[in-house]
Structure formats: C-alpha cells, structure tokens
Amino acid sequence: MKFTSLATAIAAVSIPATTVLGDRHAHAPAEALAAMVARRDAGIAQHQQYHDMLAAKRHAHHHSKRGSCPARLRKQKVLQQQEGNGDDAGNSAPAAPAATPKKEKVQEEAAPQQEENSGSNDGNSSTEASTPAPAASAPVQEQPKQEEQPKKEEQPKQEEQPKSNSGNSALGGYGLFGFSDKTCGSSGATEQVTKTTGPNGSMDFLNCGLYGNGWTPPTLSLDNILAMPLDEALEDPNTPYGPCKPFVGQFDKYGAEFGLPPILLAAIAMQESSCRPYITGGGGELGLMQITKEKCTAGIDCKDPDYNIRTGAQYLKGRLDSNNGNVLLALGQYNGWYNGLTVAKATAIKSVCCGCQQDLAYFMKLLNGWLLNKDGSQLGDWDKGC
C-alpha cells in the first residue's frame, strides 16, 4: 500500500501516536495528530529538496572540472538500470532510496525541531491562560490639603519720603516735593524760588516750631536736598559764587576728604562771610567759614583759607555724624541753632549785639538760595532790624 505522506499512513492504519510523535502526544485526538505529522512531513520534504539542490550544484561543479566522458556516463547509466531492475524483482513494495549519511543527519535534526514547533504551537492557548494577569496598580493616595496660611497683616504705610537720585556724593536729591512730616506737615516745596519757598521746602517748614514751643526740625538727609554742582554753577556768567573762585581747589579737596559736596562748603562760606577770607564776625568768628576761636590751633593763622576751609569742613562732618545724617540739625548747630530754639532766645542778644542775633532766614537762604546758584541774601521775610 502506498501513501502520499506519513500523515495519510497514520490516518489509515492504527499506528500508536507515541511511535511517531513521542509519549507527550499520546492522548492527542487523531485529527490533531494527523495535522502535526503533516507539518513534520512538510518540513522534512523542504529540507530534502534543499539538500538535493545542493547535491546537484556540487555534481555539476565536479563534472565541469573533470570534463564530460560519454563512455563513463553510459556505463553508469547501465549500472543504475541493472540495480533498479534487481530491486524491483526482489521487493514487493518499493523501498525508499537510501539516504546518504549527511541527509540522515539533517533529517534527524529536523524531526525534533518540527516536534518542538508543533508542541509549542499546540501549547499556545495553555501558555496564554497560565500567564498571570498584570498586578493592579496601587491606588493613588490623596495628598493632604495644606492648611491655608493666615494672611499677613498689612504694614502701616511709612511716612512719605522725598525721592532721591544720590549720585557721586550727597545733595543729589529732587528736592522736597510731596514730602511731609508728622510734626511739621507738608514741606511746602515749589518749583520756583520765592522769598519764602523753593524746591527744598518753605521757610516755615524749615523753621518748624521756632515760633511756637521750640525748633523741631524734620529729619532730612543730604541726598534729599536739591543742589547744583559747584563746577556748573561757576560756568554760569551770573553766578553769585564769583568771590569764591580763588578757593574752589580747597572746596573740592576737603569736600572729597570729608565726603561733602563742594558746593555745600562754598554755600556756607557765602552765607557766613560772602567768601571773604580775612573777615571777623561780631562774635569773633574768623575767616571764610567763620569758625570760632576754640576750634583754631594755637600758632596757626585761623584765617588762612586752606586751614579755615579744612577746619570748617571737619566740624560740619562731625555734626552730621553725631546727628545720624540729619542735615538740618547739623547746619543749625554749625550756626548756633539747637533743638527747642525759639524766636525769643534767637533774638535775645539784640540789645547788646544786634549783629549777633540768629538769622531766622538762615535755612531759606542756604538751601533755596546758595545751593541752587542763587543769591541767598535776597531771600527770607525776616530782618534783624539793626
């Protein structure tokens, strides 16, 4: 009986499954066994076809080198026919051609591979079923809500301060526009300089308390005060600083040494002595800066411009430092003013020395006059009446 494949043979005769496919397929259904055997046969046939093709190529390559030999080929053909006839006579069923050792080895290797493939294909469903399901993701824990922070209490608004554009040194402010003091009220600053007002405040504001319970100056620093640089003032043909031109070098020198604007030293010199170096005041004050005798060193000419300007600058710097930079207190003390000064006290000496009275327009003349390159002697509504 001839069969087209091993699968057909298994289906026709009762061959135990373990004989063909091994013990692990003994309990498989007949149809499944036939399918597995068919896949095995297909694999073996494919390998056989591949090796036949390689053998044909080797044969052709061998004869191409040796050349053709008709006699030898005829002899081989006769021998093959005789062998074929003898086989047919001695066997009732055709035997499969003997496989070469190489082909047998390939077939042996292919068989377990086919079994493994078929086994793995049949077991796909069971493998998938046995695959554990992915673990469920852990529930996301809710973050505890943060407690609301208590709102910060609003800080009380600080007293409005005048703007400042302090540059290389002090006296670089914009003036006292919009400035007010709890005790003295509004600064009364105006763009135009009048007899009693100007960019650096009104005369009443600068003299706060003088006509009442006593002088209580508002707190102002040098960089709050508007002023013109001394070199620019001297370029003006109408500058009132003409008498101070010979001493500009000393104003610059000691201004830099003590951290004071040169025009502030020149303004004091104009206010105190009109920049006359050898003048003596009504109370014995000496020189350009009208320094008192106790500030002079014995054996030195206290009116010498260099010494006089240096001594005046050093004293003013000391007053600023001791008053935490309050420019009104420092300038007032330079001129004999003090906290609590009243008009009665400032003019009490008039009957003895009219010129020795305190000039109640002192701050108006200095801050809104000389510092702004204007003639301060023309400002203020108060006169000593001498």
Protein backbone atom coordinates (compact mmCIF):
# COMPACT_ATOMS: atom_id res chain seq x y z
CA MET A 1 0.00 0.00 0.00
CA LYS A 2 1.35 3.39 -0.99
CA PHE A 3 0.71 6.55 0.99
CA THR A 4 1.37 10.11 -0.14
CA SER A 5 2.62 11.11 3.29
CA LEU A 6 3.21 9.90 6.79
CA ALA A 7 0.04 11.68 7.92
CA THR A 8 -2.04 9.64 5.49
CA ALA A 9 -0.43 6.47 6.77
CA ILE A 10 -1.29 7.29 10.37
CA ALA A 11 -4.84 8.08 9.44
CA ALA A 12 -5.23 4.78 7.52
CA VAL A 13 -3.68 2.39 10.00
CA SER A 14 -3.78 2.39 13.74
CA ILE A 15 -0.19 3.37 14.50
CA PRO A 16 0.28 4.41 18.14
CA ALA A 17 0.89 8.13 18.47
CA THR A 18 3.83 7.53 20.75
CA THR A 19 5.59 5.70 17.94
CA VAL A 20 5.59 8.76 15.67
CA LEU A 21 5.44 11.79 17.95
CA GLY A 22 6.59 10.58 21.39
CA ASP A 23 4.88 9.99 24.68
CA ARG A 24 3.82 13.62 25.29
CA HIS A 25 1.26 13.45 22.40
CA ALA A 26 -0.20 10.05 23.34
CA HIS A 27 -3.54 11.45 24.35
CA ALA A 28 -3.96 13.94 21.49
CA PRO A 29 -7.00 13.49 19.16
CA ALA A 30 -6.43 11.68 15.87
CA GLU A 31 -7.11 14.79 13.77
CA ALA A 32 -4.59 16.84 15.79
CA LEU A 33 -2.02 14.07 15.41
CA ALA A 34 -2.54 13.96 11.68
CA ALA A 35 -2.06 17.72 11.46
CA MET A 36 1.17 17.57 13.45
CA VAL A 37 2.54 14.76 11.33
CA ALA A 38 1.63 16.69 8.18
CA ARG A 39 3.64 19.65 9.40
CA ARG A 40 6.52 17.29 10.13
CA ASP A 41 6.37 15.76 6.62
CA ALA A 42 6.32 19.21 5.06
CA GLY A 43 9.43 20.20 6.99
CA ILE A 44 11.30 17.03 6.04
CA ALA A 45 10.36 17.43 2.36
CA GLN A 46 11.54 21.04 2.41
CA HIS A 47 14.92 20.03 3.87
CA GLN A 48 15.24 17.14 1.38
CA GLN A 49 14.56 19.48 -1.53
CA TYR A 50 17.17 21.93 -0.26
CA HIS A 51 19.88 19.27 0.11
CA ASP A 52 19.04 17.76 -3.33
CA MET A 53 19.59 21.19 -4.82
CA LEU A 54 22.98 21.47 -3.10
CA ALA A 55 23.99 17.99 -4.29
CA ALA A 56 23.09 18.89 -7.87
CA LYS A 57 25.22 22.00 -7.70
CA ARG A 58 28.19 20.05 -6.34
CA HIS A 59 27.75 17.40 -9.05
CA ALA A 60 27.67 20.00 -11.80
CA HIS A 61 30.71 21.75 -10.37
CA HIS A 62 32.62 18.43 -10.15
CA HIS A 63 31.99 17.50 -13.80
CA SER A 64 32.79 20.97 -15.03
CA LYS A 65 36.30 20.48 -13.69
CA ARG A 66 36.82 16.85 -14.91
CA GLY A 67 35.13 17.30 -18.25
CA SER A 68 32.48 15.04 -19.82
CA CYS A 69 33.20 11.41 -20.58
CA PRO A 70 30.45 9.74 -22.70
CA ALA A 71 31.81 6.22 -22.10
CA ARG A 72 31.83 6.60 -18.36
CA LEU A 73 28.38 8.13 -18.32
CA ARG A 74 26.94 5.29 -20.40
CA LYS A 75 28.48 2.71 -18.08
CA GLN A 76 27.00 4.45 -15.04
CA LYS A 77 23.57 4.55 -16.64
CA VAL A 78 23.66 0.82 -17.38
CA LEU A 79 24.67 0.04 -13.82
CA GLN A 80 21.85 2.19 -12.43
CA GLN A 81 19.28 0.40 -14.64
CA GLN A 82 20.53 -3.00 -13.54
CA GLU A 83 20.36 -2.02 -9.88
CA GLY A 84 16.86 -0.72 -10.35
CA ASN A 85 15.61 -3.89 -12.03
CA GLY A 86 17.13 -6.07 -9.33
CA ASP A 87 15.43 -4.09 -6.61
CA ASP A 88 12.05 -4.33 -8.28
CA ALA A 89 12.37 -8.10 -8.64
CA GLY A 90 13.34 -8.75 -5.07
CA ASN A 91 10.83 -6.44 -3.26
CA SER A 92 7.03 -6.45 -3.33
CA ALA A 93 6.94 -2.81 -2.32
CA PRO A 94 9.29 -0.10 -3.48
CA ALA A 95 11.82 0.80 -0.87
CA ALA A 96 12.73 4.36 -0.21
CA PRO A 97 16.12 5.30 -1.59
CA ALA A 98 18.86 5.04 0.99
CA ALA A 99 19.65 8.39 2.32
CA THR A 100 23.22 9.49 2.48
CA PRO A 101 24.68 9.92 5.98
CA LYS A 102 24.57 13.65 5.56
CA LYS A 103 20.90 13.63 4.61
CA GLU A 104 20.08 11.30 7.51
CA LYS A 105 21.74 13.72 9.91
CA VAL A 106 19.71 16.62 8.56
CA GLN A 107 16.51 14.60 8.87
CA GLU A 108 17.34 13.66 12.47
CA GLU A 109 17.91 17.32 13.33
CA ALA A 110 14.74 18.42 11.58
CA ALA A 111 12.48 15.91 13.32
CA PRO A 112 12.90 17.17 16.89
CA GLN A 113 12.71 20.74 15.65
CA GLN A 114 9.36 20.05 13.98
CA GLU A 115 8.10 18.32 17.11
CA GLU A 116 9.13 21.24 19.24
CA ASN A 117 7.44 23.72 16.89
CA SER A 118 4.24 21.71 16.78
CA GLY A 119 4.28 21.25 20.52
CA SER A 120 4.81 24.93 21.08
CA ASN A 121 2.01 25.84 18.67
CA ASP A 122 -0.40 23.47 20.38
CA GLY A 123 0.50 24.82 23.75
CA ASN A 124 -0.04 28.49 22.96
CA SER A 125 -3.51 28.54 24.46
CA SER A 126 -2.38 26.93 27.69
CA THR A 127 0.61 29.27 27.95
CA GLU A 128 -1.55 32.30 27.47
CA ALA A 129 -4.01 31.05 30.04
CA SER A 130 -1.26 30.43 32.57
CA THR A 131 0.27 33.88 32.14
CA PRO A 132 -0.51 35.84 35.29
CA ALA A 133 -2.54 38.97 34.84
CA PRO A 134 -0.65 42.21 35.48
CA ALA A 135 -0.91 43.34 39.03
CA ALA A 136 -3.40 46.10 39.59
CA SER A 137 -1.77 49.44 40.13
CA ALA A 138 -1.74 50.65 43.68
CA PRO A 139 -4.37 53.28 44.41
CA VAL A 140 -3.03 56.81 44.37
CA GLN A 141 -3.06 58.26 47.81
CA GLU A 142 -4.59 61.68 48.06
CA GLN A 143 -2.19 64.30 49.31
CA PRO A 144 -3.38 66.01 52.45
CA LYS A 145 -4.54 69.52 51.81
CA GLN A 146 -2.20 72.14 53.07
CA GLU A 147 -3.52 74.44 55.67
CA GLU A 148 -4.25 77.90 54.43
CA GLN A 149 -1.65 80.34 55.61
CA PRO A 150 -3.02 83.25 57.57
CA LYS A 151 -2.97 86.47 55.65
CA LYS A 152 -0.20 88.80 56.57
CA GLU A 153 -1.26 91.88 58.35
CA GLU A 154 -0.86 94.97 56.27
CA GLN A 155 2.02 97.06 57.45
CA PRO A 156 1.18 100.67 58.19
CA LYS A 157 2.32 102.97 55.46
CA GLN A 158 5.54 104.69 56.29
CA GLU A 159 5.84 108.38 56.17
CA GLU A 160 6.35 109.51 52.60
CA GLN A 161 9.95 110.38 51.91
CA PRO A 162 11.20 112.65 49.15
CA LYS A 163 12.70 110.98 46.10
CA SER A 164 16.43 110.82 45.83
CA ASN A 165 18.86 110.47 42.93
CA SER A 166 22.01 110.45 45.03
CA GLY A 167 24.98 110.20 42.70
CA ASN A 168 28.69 110.52 43.34
CA SER A 169 28.10 112.45 46.55
CA ALA A 170 25.28 113.88 48.64
CA LEU A 171 22.98 116.75 47.66
CA GLY A 172 21.74 114.85 44.63
CA GLY A 173 18.04 114.78 45.53
CA TYR A 174 14.97 116.03 43.72
CA GLY A 175 14.00 118.41 46.48
CA LEU A 176 11.18 118.05 48.97
CA PHE A 177 8.25 117.84 46.56
CA GLY A 178 5.46 115.80 48.14
CA PHE A 179 7.34 115.40 51.41
CA SER A 180 5.52 115.77 54.70
CA ASP A 181 6.43 115.38 58.36
CA LYS A 182 4.15 114.19 61.17
CA THR A 183 5.01 117.20 63.28
CA CYS A 184 5.71 119.89 60.71
CA GLY A 185 3.23 118.92 57.97
CA SER A 186 3.83 119.47 54.27
CA SER A 187 7.21 120.72 53.09
CA GLY A 188 5.60 123.46 51.00
CA ALA A 189 8.21 122.91 48.24
CA THR A 190 7.71 124.86 45.00
CA GLU A 191 9.47 124.67 41.65
CA GLN A 192 10.06 128.40 41.56
CA VAL A 193 12.14 130.07 44.23
CA THR A 194 10.35 132.87 46.03
CA LYS A 195 11.33 134.81 49.13
CA THR A 196 9.86 132.15 51.41
CA THR A 197 9.57 128.95 49.32
CA GLY A 198 11.61 126.85 46.92
CA PRO A 199 12.33 123.24 45.84
CA ASN A 200 13.92 122.49 49.25
CA GLY A 201 10.86 123.49 51.28
CA SER A 202 9.26 126.61 52.66
CA MET A 203 10.79 128.84 55.31
CA ASP A 204 8.04 127.91 57.79
CA PHE A 205 8.69 124.19 57.26
CA LEU A 206 12.46 124.56 57.71
CA ASN A 207 11.91 126.67 60.85
CA CYS A 208 9.29 124.25 62.22
CA GLY A 209 8.46 125.06 65.86
CA LEU A 210 10.65 128.18 66.02
CA TYR A 211 7.63 130.45 66.55
CA GLY A 212 5.98 128.05 69.00
CA ASN A 213 7.35 125.69 71.61
CA GLY A 214 10.75 125.48 70.02
CA TRP A 215 12.54 124.36 66.85
CA THR A 216 11.88 120.70 65.97
CA PRO A 217 13.40 120.23 62.53
CA PRO A 218 12.09 117.47 60.27
CA THR A 219 14.50 114.64 59.56
CA LEU A 220 16.24 115.25 56.23
CA SER A 221 19.46 113.82 54.82
CA LEU A 222 21.92 115.39 52.39
CA ASP A 223 20.70 113.29 49.48
CA ASN A 224 17.17 114.68 49.89
CA ILE A 225 18.37 118.18 49.05
CA LEU A 226 18.36 119.55 45.52
CA ALA A 227 21.59 121.39 44.63
CA MET A 228 23.66 122.44 41.64
CA PRO A 229 27.25 121.11 41.34
CA LEU A 230 29.82 123.81 42.04
CA ASP A 231 31.60 123.47 38.69
CA GLU A 232 28.31 124.00 36.83
CA ALA A 233 27.43 126.99 39.00
CA LEU A 234 30.78 128.62 38.18
CA GLU A 235 30.12 128.24 34.43
CA ASP A 236 27.06 130.48 34.80
CA PRO A 237 28.07 134.10 33.99
CA ASN A 238 25.52 135.33 36.53
CA THR A 239 26.67 133.03 39.36
CA PRO A 240 26.86 134.60 42.83
CA TYR A 241 29.98 132.49 43.53
CA GLY A 242 32.39 134.89 41.90
CA PRO A 243 34.11 135.76 45.24
CA CYS A 244 34.66 132.02 45.90
CA LYS A 245 36.53 131.24 42.62
CA PRO A 246 40.02 131.56 44.20
CA PHE A 247 39.15 128.85 46.72
CA VAL A 248 37.47 126.28 44.50
CA GLY A 249 40.51 123.99 44.79
CA GLN A 250 40.18 123.87 48.58
CA PHE A 251 36.41 123.28 48.42
CA ASP A 252 36.99 120.35 46.06
CA LYS A 253 39.90 118.98 48.09
CA TYR A 254 38.28 118.97 51.51
CA GLY A 255 34.86 118.11 50.17
CA ALA A 256 36.38 114.88 48.81
CA GLU A 257 38.30 114.25 52.05
CA PHE A 258 35.25 114.51 54.31
CA GLY A 259 32.59 113.25 51.90
CA LEU A 260 30.84 116.61 51.50
CA PRO A 261 29.64 118.28 48.29
CA PRO A 262 31.99 121.17 47.41
CA ILE A 263 29.03 123.47 46.74
CA LEU A 264 27.83 122.93 50.35
CA LEU A 265 31.15 124.24 51.70
CA ALA A 266 31.07 127.15 49.24
CA ALA A 267 27.43 127.91 50.20
CA ILE A 268 28.38 128.13 53.91
CA ALA A 269 31.28 130.40 53.01
CA MET A 270 28.92 132.68 51.06
CA GLN A 271 26.35 132.67 53.88
CA GLU A 272 28.89 133.28 56.66
CA SER A 273 31.39 135.63 55.09
CA SER A 274 30.45 136.26 51.44
CA CYS A 275 33.68 134.34 50.70
CA ARG A 276 35.88 136.97 52.29
CA PRO A 277 38.86 135.15 53.84
CA TYR A 278 40.07 137.72 56.39
CA ILE A 279 36.81 138.89 57.93
CA THR A 280 35.99 138.69 61.64
CA GLY A 281 32.37 138.30 62.76
CA GLY A 282 30.52 140.19 65.51
CA GLY A 283 31.14 137.32 67.96
CA GLY A 284 34.79 136.88 66.98
CA GLU A 285 34.23 134.26 64.27
CA LEU A 286 37.13 134.03 61.79
CA GLY A 287 37.66 133.71 58.07
CA LEU A 288 35.75 132.23 55.15
CA MET A 289 33.90 129.63 57.22
CA GLN A 290 33.52 131.87 60.32
CA ILE A 291 34.94 129.32 62.72
CA THR A 292 35.17 130.18 66.43
CA LYS A 293 38.49 130.68 68.19
CA GLU A 294 38.27 127.49 70.26
CA LYS A 295 38.42 125.49 67.03
CA CYS A 296 41.70 127.07 65.98
CA THR A 297 45.07 125.53 66.79
CA ALA A 298 47.50 127.78 68.61
CA GLY A 299 50.27 129.15 66.44
CA ILE A 300 48.32 128.76 63.18
CA ASP A 301 46.61 131.60 61.31
CA CYS A 302 42.98 130.62 61.67
CA LYS A 303 42.04 132.86 58.74
CA ASP A 304 44.32 131.04 56.32
CA PRO A 305 41.88 129.86 53.59
CA ASP A 306 43.26 126.32 53.41
CA TYR A 307 43.26 125.82 57.17
CA ASN A 308 39.95 127.64 57.60
CA ILE A 309 38.09 125.61 54.96
CA ARG A 310 39.54 122.34 56.25
CA THR A 311 38.58 123.14 59.86
CA GLY A 312 35.04 124.17 58.87
CA ALA A 313 34.55 121.02 56.73
CA GLN A 314 35.81 118.77 59.52
CA TYR A 315 33.45 120.34 62.07
CA LEU A 316 30.42 120.06 59.76
CA LYS A 317 31.21 116.39 59.06
CA GLY A 318 31.32 115.77 62.81
CA ARG A 319 27.90 117.39 63.29
CA LEU A 320 26.38 115.23 60.55
CA ASP A 321 27.75 112.05 62.06
CA SER A 322 26.59 112.90 65.59
CA ASN A 323 23.05 113.63 64.32
CA ASN A 324 22.70 110.48 62.20
CA GLY A 325 22.94 112.45 58.98
CA ASN A 326 20.17 114.94 59.78
CA VAL A 327 21.30 117.84 57.62
CA LEU A 328 19.07 120.49 59.27
CA LEU A 329 20.34 119.72 62.76
CA ALA A 330 23.98 119.67 61.54
CA LEU A 331 23.71 123.00 59.70
CA GLY A 332 21.73 124.55 62.57
CA GLN A 333 24.39 123.58 65.12
CA TYR A 334 27.12 124.94 62.82
CA ASN A 335 25.32 128.30 63.05
CA GLY A 336 24.45 128.09 66.77
CA TRP A 337 20.92 126.63 66.49
CA TYR A 338 19.69 123.78 68.68
CA ASN A 339 16.56 121.74 69.36
CA GLY A 340 13.97 123.85 71.19
CA LEU A 341 15.34 127.20 69.97
CA THR A 342 12.63 129.90 69.97
CA VAL A 343 12.43 133.32 68.37
CA ALA A 344 12.80 134.94 71.79
CA LYS A 345 16.01 133.07 72.52
CA ALA A 346 17.37 133.63 69.00
CA THR A 347 16.98 137.42 69.26
CA ALA A 348 17.64 137.93 72.98
CA ILE A 349 21.08 139.42 72.37
CA LYS A 350 19.79 142.11 70.04
CA SER A 351 20.00 144.85 72.64
CA VAL A 352 23.66 144.05 73.30
CA CYS A 353 24.87 143.00 69.83
CA CYS A 354 22.31 143.42 67.04
CA GLY A 355 24.50 141.60 64.52
CA CYS A 356 24.95 138.68 66.88
CA GLN A 357 21.31 137.62 66.58
CA GLN A 358 20.48 134.34 64.91
CA ASP A 359 19.45 134.80 61.29
CA LEU A 360 15.94 133.31 61.24
CA ALA A 361 16.07 133.07 57.40
CA TYR A 362 19.30 131.05 57.58
CA PHE A 363 17.94 127.78 56.14
CA MET A 364 15.88 129.56 53.47
CA LYS A 365 18.95 131.42 52.23
CA LEU A 366 21.25 128.42 52.34
CA LEU A 367 19.01 125.67 50.88
CA ASN A 368 16.86 127.56 48.38
CA GLY A 369 19.43 130.25 47.57
CA TRP A 370 23.15 129.42 47.54
CA LEU A 371 22.78 125.71 46.88
CA LEU A 372 20.67 126.49 43.80
CA ASN A 373 23.16 129.06 42.46
CA LYS A 374 21.01 131.97 43.57
CA ASP A 375 21.82 134.96 45.77
CA GLY A 376 20.59 133.77 49.15
CA SER A 377 20.98 137.18 50.75
CA GLN A 378 17.79 138.28 48.96
CA LEU A 379 15.60 135.53 50.41
CA GLY A 380 13.59 135.33 53.63
CA ASP A 381 10.99 137.64 55.16
CA TRP A 382 12.84 138.29 58.37
CA ASP A 383 15.29 141.08 59.10
CA LYS A 384 17.49 141.56 62.13
CA GLY A 385 16.42 145.20 62.37
CA CYS A 386 19.84 146.54 63.14
